[in-house]
PDB file of N, CA and C in Angstrom:
ATOM      1  N   MET A   1      55.295 -19.661  89.306  1.00  0.00           N
ATOM      2  CA  MET A   1      56.309 -19.421  88.299  1.00  0.00           C
ATOM      3  C   MET A   1      57.623 -19.084  89.006  1.00  0.00           C
ATOM      4  N   ASP A   2      58.717 -19.596  88.472  1.00  0.00           N
ATOM      5  CA  ASP A   2      60.010 -19.271  89.067  1.00  0.00           C
ATOM      6  C   ASP A   2      60.733 -18.200  88.235  1.00  0.00           C
ATOM      7  N   PHE A   3      61.832 -17.701  88.773  1.00  0.00           N
ATOM      8  CA  PHE A   3      62.582 -16.611  88.152  1.00  0.00           C
ATOM      9  C   PHE A   3      63.074 -16.997  86.763  1.00  0.00           C
ATOM     10  N   HIS A   4      63.651 -18.186  86.626  1.00  0.00           N
ATOM     11  CA  HIS A   4      64.186 -18.612  85.332  1.00  0.00           C
ATOM     12  C   HIS A   4      63.089 -18.647  84.266  1.00  0.00           C
ATOM     13  N   THR A   5      61.930 -19.177  84.618  1.00  0.00           N
ATOM     14  CA  THR A   5      60.810 -19.242  83.682  1.00  0.00           C
ATOM     15  C   THR A   5      60.373 -17.834  83.274  1.00  0.00           C
ATOM     16  N   ALA A   6      60.286 -16.930  84.249  1.00  0.00           N
ATOM     17  CA  ALA A   6      59.878 -15.553  83.951  1.00  0.00           C
ATOM     18  C   ALA A   6      60.868 -14.875  83.020  1.00  0.00           C
ATOM     19  N   THR A   7      62.175 -15.102  83.225  1.00  0.00           N
ATOM     20  CA  THR A   7      63.169 -14.459  82.344  1.00  0.00           C
ATOM     21  C   THR A   7      63.049 -15.004  80.923  1.00  0.00           C
ATOM     22  N   GLU A   8      62.860 -16.309  80.789  1.00  0.00           N
ATOM     23  CA  GLU A   8      62.730 -16.904  79.448  1.00  0.00           C
ATOM     24  C   GLU A   8      61.467 -16.395  78.746  1.00  0.00           C
ATOM     25  N   LYS A   9      60.373 -16.303  79.492  1.00  0.00           N
ATOM     26  CA  LYS A   9      59.119 -15.839  78.893  1.00  0.00           C
ATOM     27  C   LYS A   9      59.208 -14.354  78.526  1.00  0.00           C
ATOM     28  N   ALA A  10      59.898 -13.565  79.343  1.00  0.00           N
ATOM     29  CA  ALA A  10      60.050 -12.141  79.033  1.00  0.00           C
ATOM     30  C   ALA A  10      60.878 -11.958  77.763  1.00  0.00           C
ATOM     31  N   LYS A  11      61.903 -12.796  77.574  1.00  0.00           N
ATOM     32  CA  LYS A  11      62.723 -12.718  76.354  1.00  0.00           C
ATOM     33  C   LYS A  11      61.903 -13.067  75.118  1.00  0.00           C
ATOM     34  N   ALA A  12      60.831 -13.835  75.307  1.00  0.00           N
ATOM     35  CA  ALA A  12      60.014 -14.297  74.186  1.00  0.00           C
ATOM     36  C   ALA A  12      58.797 -13.408  73.912  1.00  0.00           C
ATOM     37  N   PHE A  13      58.726 -12.242  74.552  1.00  0.00           N
ATOM     38  CA  PHE A  13      57.611 -11.334  74.274  1.00  0.00           C
ATOM     39  C   PHE A  13      57.507 -11.107  72.768  1.00  0.00           C
ATOM     40  N   THR A  14      56.287 -11.056  72.261  1.00  0.00           N
ATOM     41  CA  THR A  14      56.104 -10.840  70.826  1.00  0.00           C
ATOM     42  C   THR A  14      56.177  -9.360  70.466  1.00  0.00           C
ATOM     43  N   LYS A  15      55.936  -8.495  71.428  1.00  0.00           N
ATOM     44  CA  LYS A  15      56.073  -7.046  71.215  1.00  0.00           C
ATOM     45  C   LYS A  15      57.146  -6.542  72.170  1.00  0.00           C
ATOM     46  N   ARG A  16      57.842  -5.476  71.771  1.00  0.00           N
ATOM     47  CA  ARG A  16      58.919  -4.943  72.592  1.00  0.00           C
ATOM     48  C   ARG A  16      58.368  -3.964  73.624  1.00  0.00           C
ATOM     49  N   PRO A  17      58.707  -4.172  74.901  1.00  0.00           N
ATOM     50  CA  PRO A  17      58.291  -3.207  75.929  1.00  0.00           C
ATOM     51  C   PRO A  17      58.925  -1.828  75.671  1.00  0.00           C
ATOM     52  N   THR A  18      58.354  -0.805  76.259  1.00  0.00           N
ATOM     53  CA  THR A  18      58.941   0.530  76.142  1.00  0.00           C
ATOM     54  C   THR A  18      60.311   0.521  76.814  1.00  0.00           C
ATOM     55  N   ASP A  19      61.107   1.534  76.534  1.00  0.00           N
ATOM     56  CA  ASP A  19      62.435   1.618  77.150  1.00  0.00           C
ATOM     57  C   ASP A  19      62.328   1.620  78.671  1.00  0.00           C
ATOM     58  N   GLU A  20      61.361   2.354  79.201  1.00  0.00           N
ATOM     59  CA  GLU A  20      61.174   2.440  80.652  1.00  0.00           C
ATOM     60  C   GLU A  20      60.837   1.069  81.236  1.00  0.00           C
ATOM     61  N   GLU A  21      59.954   0.336  80.550  1.00  0.00           N
ATOM     62  CA  GLU A  21      59.584  -1.001  81.012  1.00  0.00           C
ATOM     63  C   GLU A  21      60.771  -1.960  80.902  1.00  0.00           C
ATOM     64  N   PHE A  22      61.522  -1.850  79.814  1.00  0.00           N
ATOM     65  CA  PHE A  22      62.711  -2.688  79.633  1.00  0.00           C
ATOM     66  C   PHE A  22      63.700  -2.449  80.780  1.00  0.00           C
ATOM     67  N   LEU A  23      63.893  -1.186  81.146  1.00  0.00           N
ATOM     68  CA  LEU A  23      64.828  -0.863  82.226  1.00  0.00           C
ATOM     69  C   LEU A  23      64.363  -1.427  83.566  1.00  0.00           C
ATOM     70  N   GLU A  24      63.055  -1.501  83.750  1.00  0.00           N
ATOM     71  CA  GLU A  24      62.499  -2.099  84.967  1.00  0.00           C
ATOM     72  C   GLU A  24      62.936  -3.575  85.055  1.00  0.00           C
ATOM     73  N   PHE A  25      62.786  -4.286  83.939  1.00  0.00           N
ATOM     74  CA  PHE A  25      63.224  -5.687  83.876  1.00  0.00           C
ATOM     75  C   PHE A  25      64.733  -5.791  84.074  1.00  0.00           C
ATOM     76  N   TYR A  26      65.466  -4.942  83.382  1.00  0.00           N
ATOM     77  CA  TYR A  26      66.931  -5.001  83.421  1.00  0.00           C
ATOM     78  C   TYR A  26      67.462  -4.818  84.844  1.00  0.00           C
ATOM     79  N   GLY A  27      66.991  -3.787  85.517  1.00  0.00           N
ATOM     80  CA  GLY A  27      67.477  -3.493  86.867  1.00  0.00           C
ATOM     81  C   GLY A  27      67.209  -4.639  87.839  1.00  0.00           C
ATOM     82  N   LEU A  28      66.019  -5.203  87.748  1.00  0.00           N
ATOM     83  CA  LEU A  28      65.675  -6.317  88.633  1.00  0.00           C
ATOM     84  C   LEU A  28      66.458  -7.578  88.273  1.00  0.00           C
ATOM     85  N   TYR A  29      66.669  -7.803  86.984  1.00  0.00           N
ATOM     86  CA  TYR A  29      67.436  -8.978  86.552  1.00  0.00           C
ATOM     87  C   TYR A  29      68.867  -8.894  87.077  1.00  0.00           C
ATOM     88  N   LYS A  30      69.490  -7.731  86.920  1.00  0.00           N
ATOM     89  CA  LYS A  30      70.870  -7.559  87.386  1.00  0.00           C
ATOM     90  C   LYS A  30      70.954  -7.711  88.898  1.00  0.00           C
ATOM     91  N   GLN A  31      69.996  -7.154  89.618  1.00  0.00           N
ATOM     92  CA  GLN A  31      69.998  -7.264  91.076  1.00  0.00           C
ATOM     93  C   GLN A  31      69.831  -8.723  91.493  1.00  0.00           C
ATOM     94  N   ALA A  32      68.977  -9.457  90.780  1.00  0.00           N
ATOM     95  CA  ALA A  32      68.717 -10.856  91.114  1.00  0.00           C
ATOM     96  C   ALA A  32      69.905 -11.755  90.774  1.00  0.00           C
ATOM     97  N   THR A  33      70.646 -11.418  89.718  1.00  0.00           N
ATOM     98  CA  THR A  33      71.719 -12.311  89.279  1.00  0.00           C
ATOM     99  C   THR A  33      73.102 -11.894  89.770  1.00  0.00           C
ATOM    100  N   VAL A  34      73.302 -10.592  90.007  1.00  0.00           N
ATOM    101  CA  VAL A  34      74.622 -10.088  90.411  1.00  0.00           C
ATOM    102  C   VAL A  34      74.617  -9.543  91.830  1.00  0.00           C
ATOM    103  N   GLY A  35      73.519  -8.893  92.210  1.00  0.00           N
ATOM    104  CA  GLY A  35      73.455  -8.206  93.501  1.00  0.00           C
ATOM    105  C   GLY A  35      73.612  -6.709  93.283  1.00  0.00           C
ATOM    106  N   ASP A  36      74.025  -6.000  94.320  1.00  0.00           N
ATOM    107  CA  ASP A  36      74.173  -4.542  94.213  1.00  0.00           C
ATOM    108  C   ASP A  36      75.163  -4.172  93.110  1.00  0.00           C
ATOM    109  N   VAL A  37      74.932  -2.987  92.520  1.00  0.00           N
ATOM    110  CA  VAL A  37      75.819  -2.471  91.473  1.00  0.00           C
ATOM    111  C   VAL A  37      77.270  -2.584  91.923  1.00  0.00           C
ATOM    112  N   ASN A  38      78.095  -3.114  91.047  1.00  0.00           N
ATOM    113  CA  ASN A  38      79.502  -3.324  91.390  1.00  0.00           C
ATOM    114  C   ASN A  38      80.450  -2.742  90.347  1.00  0.00           C
ATOM    115  N   VAL A  39      79.932  -1.843  89.516  1.00  0.00           N
ATOM    116  CA  VAL A  39      80.743  -1.189  88.485  1.00  0.00           C
ATOM    117  C   VAL A  39      80.517   0.315  88.551  1.00  0.00           C
ATOM    118  N   GLU A  40      81.459   1.066  88.017  1.00  0.00           N
ATOM    119  CA  GLU A  40      81.338   2.529  87.974  1.00  0.00           C
ATOM    120  C   GLU A  40      80.179   2.940  87.063  1.00  0.00           C
ATOM    121  N   ARG A  41      79.565   4.064  87.378  1.00  0.00           N
ATOM    122  CA  ARG A  41      78.507   4.599  86.513  1.00  0.00           C
ATOM    123  C   ARG A  41      79.155   5.076  85.218  1.00  0.00           C
ATOM    124  N   PRO A  42      78.582   4.714  84.052  1.00  0.00           N
ATOM    125  CA  PRO A  42      79.157   5.142  82.774  1.00  0.00           C
ATOM    126  C   PRO A  42      79.222   6.665  82.649  1.00  0.00           C
ATOM    127  N   GLY A  43      80.078   7.111  81.765  1.00  0.00           N
ATOM    128  CA  GLY A  43      80.281   8.547  81.551  1.00  0.00           C
ATOM    129  C   GLY A  43      79.097   9.236  80.902  1.00  0.00           C
ATOM    130  N   ALA A  44      79.186  10.543  80.822  1.00  0.00           N
ATOM    131  CA  ALA A  44      78.092  11.386  80.352  1.00  0.00           C
ATOM    132  C   ALA A  44      77.645  11.068  78.924  1.00  0.00           C
ATOM    133  N   LEU A  45      78.534  10.579  78.093  1.00  0.00           N
ATOM    134  CA  LEU A  45      78.174  10.334  76.699  1.00  0.00           C
ATOM    135  C   LEU A  45      77.476   8.990  76.487  1.00  0.00           C
ATOM    136  N   ASP A  46      77.562   8.119  77.446  1.00  0.00           N
ATOM    137  CA  ASP A  46      76.937   6.797  77.332  1.00  0.00           C
ATOM    138  C   ASP A  46      75.544   6.835  77.960  1.00  0.00           C
ATOM    139  N   LEU A  47      74.586   7.398  77.232  1.00  0.00           N
ATOM    140  CA  LEU A  47      73.238   7.581  77.772  1.00  0.00           C
ATOM    141  C   LEU A  47      72.552   6.254  78.065  1.00  0.00           C
ATOM    142  N   LYS A  48      72.683   5.288  77.159  1.00  0.00           N
ATOM    143  CA  LYS A  48      72.054   3.984  77.369  1.00  0.00           C
ATOM    144  C   LYS A  48      72.683   3.286  78.577  1.00  0.00           C
ATOM    145  N   GLY A  49      74.001   3.318  78.673  1.00  0.00           N
ATOM    146  CA  GLY A  49      74.701   2.691  79.790  1.00  0.00           C
ATOM    147  C   GLY A  49      74.322   3.316  81.121  1.00  0.00           C
ATOM    148  N   LYS A  50      74.206   4.647  81.136  1.00  0.00           N
ATOM    149  CA  LYS A  50      73.812   5.335  82.367  1.00  0.00           C
ATOM    150  C   LYS A  50      72.395   4.951  82.788  1.00  0.00           C
ATOM    151  N   ALA A  51      71.485   4.867  81.822  1.00  0.00           N
ATOM    152  CA  ALA A  51      70.093   4.511  82.135  1.00  0.00           C
ATOM    153  C   ALA A  51      70.029   3.098  82.715  1.00  0.00           C
ATOM    154  N   LYS A  52      70.801   2.184  82.133  1.00  0.00           N
ATOM    155  CA  LYS A  52      70.815   0.810  82.639  1.00  0.00           C
ATOM    156  C   LYS A  52      71.428   0.771  84.043  1.00  0.00           C
ATOM    157  N   TRP A  53      72.524   1.494  84.255  1.00  0.00           N
ATOM    158  CA  TRP A  53      73.176   1.535  85.563  1.00  0.00           C
ATOM    159  C   TRP A  53      72.222   2.104  86.608  1.00  0.00           C
ATOM    160  N   ASP A  54      71.552   3.209  86.267  1.00  0.00           N
ATOM    161  CA  ASP A  54      70.615   3.848  87.202  1.00  0.00           C
ATOM    162  C   ASP A  54      69.470   2.904  87.569  1.00  0.00           C
ATOM    163  N   SER A  55      68.979   2.165  86.574  1.00  0.00           N
ATOM    164  CA  SER A  55      67.888   1.227  86.830  1.00  0.00           C
ATOM    165  C   SER A  55      68.341   0.119  87.772  1.00  0.00           C
ATOM    166  N   TRP A  56      69.540  -0.374  87.572  1.00  0.00           N
ATOM    167  CA  TRP A  56      70.093  -1.409  88.446  1.00  0.00           C
ATOM    168  C   TRP A  56      70.305  -0.850  89.848  1.00  0.00           C
ATOM    169  N   ASN A  57      70.904   0.331  89.935  1.00  0.00           N
ATOM    170  CA  ASN A  57      71.223   0.942  91.226  1.00  0.00           C
ATOM    171  C   ASN A  57      69.965   1.258  92.043  1.00  0.00           C
ATOM    172  N   LYS A  58      68.847   1.482  91.346  1.00  0.00           N
ATOM    173  CA  LYS A  58      67.574   1.784  92.015  1.00  0.00           C
ATOM    174  C   LYS A  58      67.150   0.634  92.934  1.00  0.00           C
ATOM    175  N   HIS A  59      67.618  -0.571  92.657  1.00  0.00           N
ATOM    176  CA  HIS A  59      67.235  -1.745  93.435  1.00  0.00           C
ATOM    177  C   HIS A  59      68.294  -2.146  94.460  1.00  0.00           C
ATOM    178  N   LYS A  60      69.259  -1.275  94.680  1.00  0.00           N
ATOM    179  CA  LYS A  60      70.345  -1.552  95.628  1.00  0.00           C
ATOM    180  C   LYS A  60      69.764  -1.930  96.991  1.00  0.00           C
ATOM    181  N   GLY A  61      70.319  -2.966  97.581  1.00  0.00           N
ATOM    182  CA  GLY A  61      69.871  -3.392  98.902  1.00  0.00           C
ATOM    183  C   GLY A  61      68.857  -4.525  98.872  1.00  0.00           C
ATOM    184  N   LEU A  62      68.200  -4.727  97.734  1.00  0.00           N
ATOM    185  CA  LEU A  62      67.272  -5.860  97.635  1.00  0.00           C
ATOM    186  C   LEU A  62      68.075  -7.152  97.627  1.00  0.00           C
ATOM    187  N   SER A  63      67.595  -8.143  98.339  1.00  0.00           N
ATOM    188  CA  SER A  63      68.271  -9.445  98.279  1.00  0.00           C
ATOM    189  C   SER A  63      67.989 -10.055  96.912  1.00  0.00           C
ATOM    190  N   LYS A  64      68.778 -11.052  96.556  1.00  0.00           N
ATOM    191  CA  LYS A  64      68.555 -11.717  95.274  1.00  0.00           C
ATOM    192  C   LYS A  64      67.165 -12.330  95.230  1.00  0.00           C
ATOM    193  N   ALA A  65      66.720 -12.928  96.320  1.00  0.00           N
ATOM    194  CA  ALA A  65      65.386 -13.543  96.369  1.00  0.00           C
ATOM    195  C   ALA A  65      64.288 -12.485  96.195  1.00  0.00           C
ATOM    196  N   GLU A  66      64.452 -11.333  96.853  1.00  0.00           N
ATOM    197  CA  GLU A  66      63.465 -10.251  96.719  1.00  0.00           C
ATOM    198  C   GLU A  66      63.442  -9.722  95.289  1.00  0.00           C
ATOM    199  N   ALA A  67      64.614  -9.594  94.675  1.00  0.00           N
ATOM    200  CA  ALA A  67      64.698  -9.107  93.304  1.00  0.00           C
ATOM    201  C   ALA A  67      64.054 -10.109  92.344  1.00  0.00           C
ATOM    202  N   GLU A  68      64.251 -11.396  92.599  1.00  0.00           N
ATOM    203  CA  GLU A  68      63.616 -12.419  91.762  1.00  0.00           C
ATOM    204  C   GLU A  68      62.098 -12.320  91.857  1.00  0.00           C
ATOM    205  N   LYS A  69      61.580 -12.171  93.078  1.00  0.00           N
ATOM    206  CA  LYS A  69      60.128 -12.042  93.267  1.00  0.00           C
ATOM    207  C   LYS A  69      59.605 -10.796  92.545  1.00  0.00           C
ATOM    208  N   ALA A  70      60.341  -9.689  92.654  1.00  0.00           N
ATOM    209  CA  ALA A  70      59.927  -8.447  92.003  1.00  0.00           C
ATOM    210  C   ALA A  70      59.963  -8.600  90.483  1.00  0.00           C
ATOM    211  N   TYR A  71      60.952  -9.324  89.965  1.00  0.00           N
ATOM    212  CA  TYR A  71      61.045  -9.566  88.520  1.00  0.00           C
ATOM    213  C   TYR A  71      59.828 -10.362  88.048  1.00  0.00           C
ATOM    214  N   ILE A  72      59.485 -11.408  88.793  1.00  0.00           N
ATOM    215  CA  ILE A  72      58.326 -12.233  88.433  1.00  0.00           C
ATOM    216  C   ILE A  72      57.056 -11.384  88.444  1.00  0.00           C
ATOM    217  N   ALA A  73      56.909 -10.536  89.455  1.00  0.00           N
ATOM    218  CA  ALA A  73      55.738  -9.652  89.535  1.00  0.00           C
ATOM    219  C   ALA A  73      55.711  -8.682  88.356  1.00  0.00           C
ATOM    220  N   THR A  74      56.877  -8.180  87.966  1.00  0.00           N
ATOM    221  CA  THR A  74      56.965  -7.270  86.816  1.00  0.00           C
ATOM    222  C   THR A  74      56.576  -8.008  85.545  1.00  0.00           C
ATOM    223  N   TYR A  75      57.072  -9.246  85.404  1.00  0.00           N
ATOM    224  CA  TYR A  75      56.705 -10.053  84.233  1.00  0.00           C
ATOM    225  C   TYR A  75      55.186 -10.229  84.185  1.00  0.00           C
ATOM    226  N   GLU A  76      54.592 -10.590  85.312  1.00  0.00           N
ATOM    227  CA  GLU A  76      53.149 -10.835  85.350  1.00  0.00           C
ATOM    228  C   GLU A  76      52.354  -9.567  85.050  1.00  0.00           C
ATOM    229  N   LYS A  77      52.911  -8.424  85.407  1.00  0.00           N
ATOM    230  CA  LYS A  77      52.252  -7.139  85.142  1.00  0.00           C
ATOM    231  C   LYS A  77      52.218  -6.843  83.640  1.00  0.00           C
ATOM    232  N   TYR A  78      53.338  -7.139  82.941  1.00  0.00           N
ATOM    233  CA  TYR A  78      53.445  -6.773  81.533  1.00  0.00           C
ATOM    234  C   TYR A  78      53.103  -7.899  80.562  1.00  0.00           C
ATOM    235  N   ALA A  79      53.049  -9.139  81.027  1.00  0.00           N
ATOM    236  CA  ALA A  79      52.785 -10.282  80.129  1.00  0.00           C
ATOM    237  C   ALA A  79      51.501 -10.123  79.305  1.00  0.00           C
ATOM    238  N   PRO A  80      50.391  -9.671  79.916  1.00  0.00           N
ATOM    239  CA  PRO A  80      49.174  -9.545  79.096  1.00  0.00           C
ATOM    240  C   PRO A  80      49.346  -8.561  77.934  1.00  0.00           C
ATOM    241  N   LYS A  81      50.212  -7.596  78.118  1.00  0.00           N
ATOM    242  CA  LYS A  81      50.423  -6.559  77.110  1.00  0.00           C
ATOM    243  C   LYS A  81      51.384  -6.996  76.008  1.00  0.00           C
ATOM    244  N   TYR A  82      52.374  -7.826  76.341  1.00  0.00           N
ATOM    245  CA  TYR A  82      53.442  -8.127  75.384  1.00  0.00           C
ATOM    246  C   TYR A  82      53.625  -9.589  75.019  1.00  0.00           C
ATOM    247  N   ALA A  83      53.055 -10.514  75.757  1.00  0.00           N
ATOM    248  CA  ALA A  83      53.297 -11.945  75.473  1.00  0.00           C
ATOM    249  C   ALA A  83      52.529 -12.417  74.244  1.00  0.00           C
TER     250      ALA A  83
END
């Protein structure tokens, strides 16, 4: 399975992953498509934005290829539960 296929299949989950699981996907997706965090961390009142930023920043230093592999592995881990 390639990264693009995994992202499309994850978007098509029939059940919604938990917030923590969603953030796992989000952080790896951003790292794979953008690279290291390149924006300021959101302010104290933006709880959702901060959680997303933190999840992305957690993968800092991973190459895009490594992040893609990790995303695919994450998809395969959760697919039986949500697909």
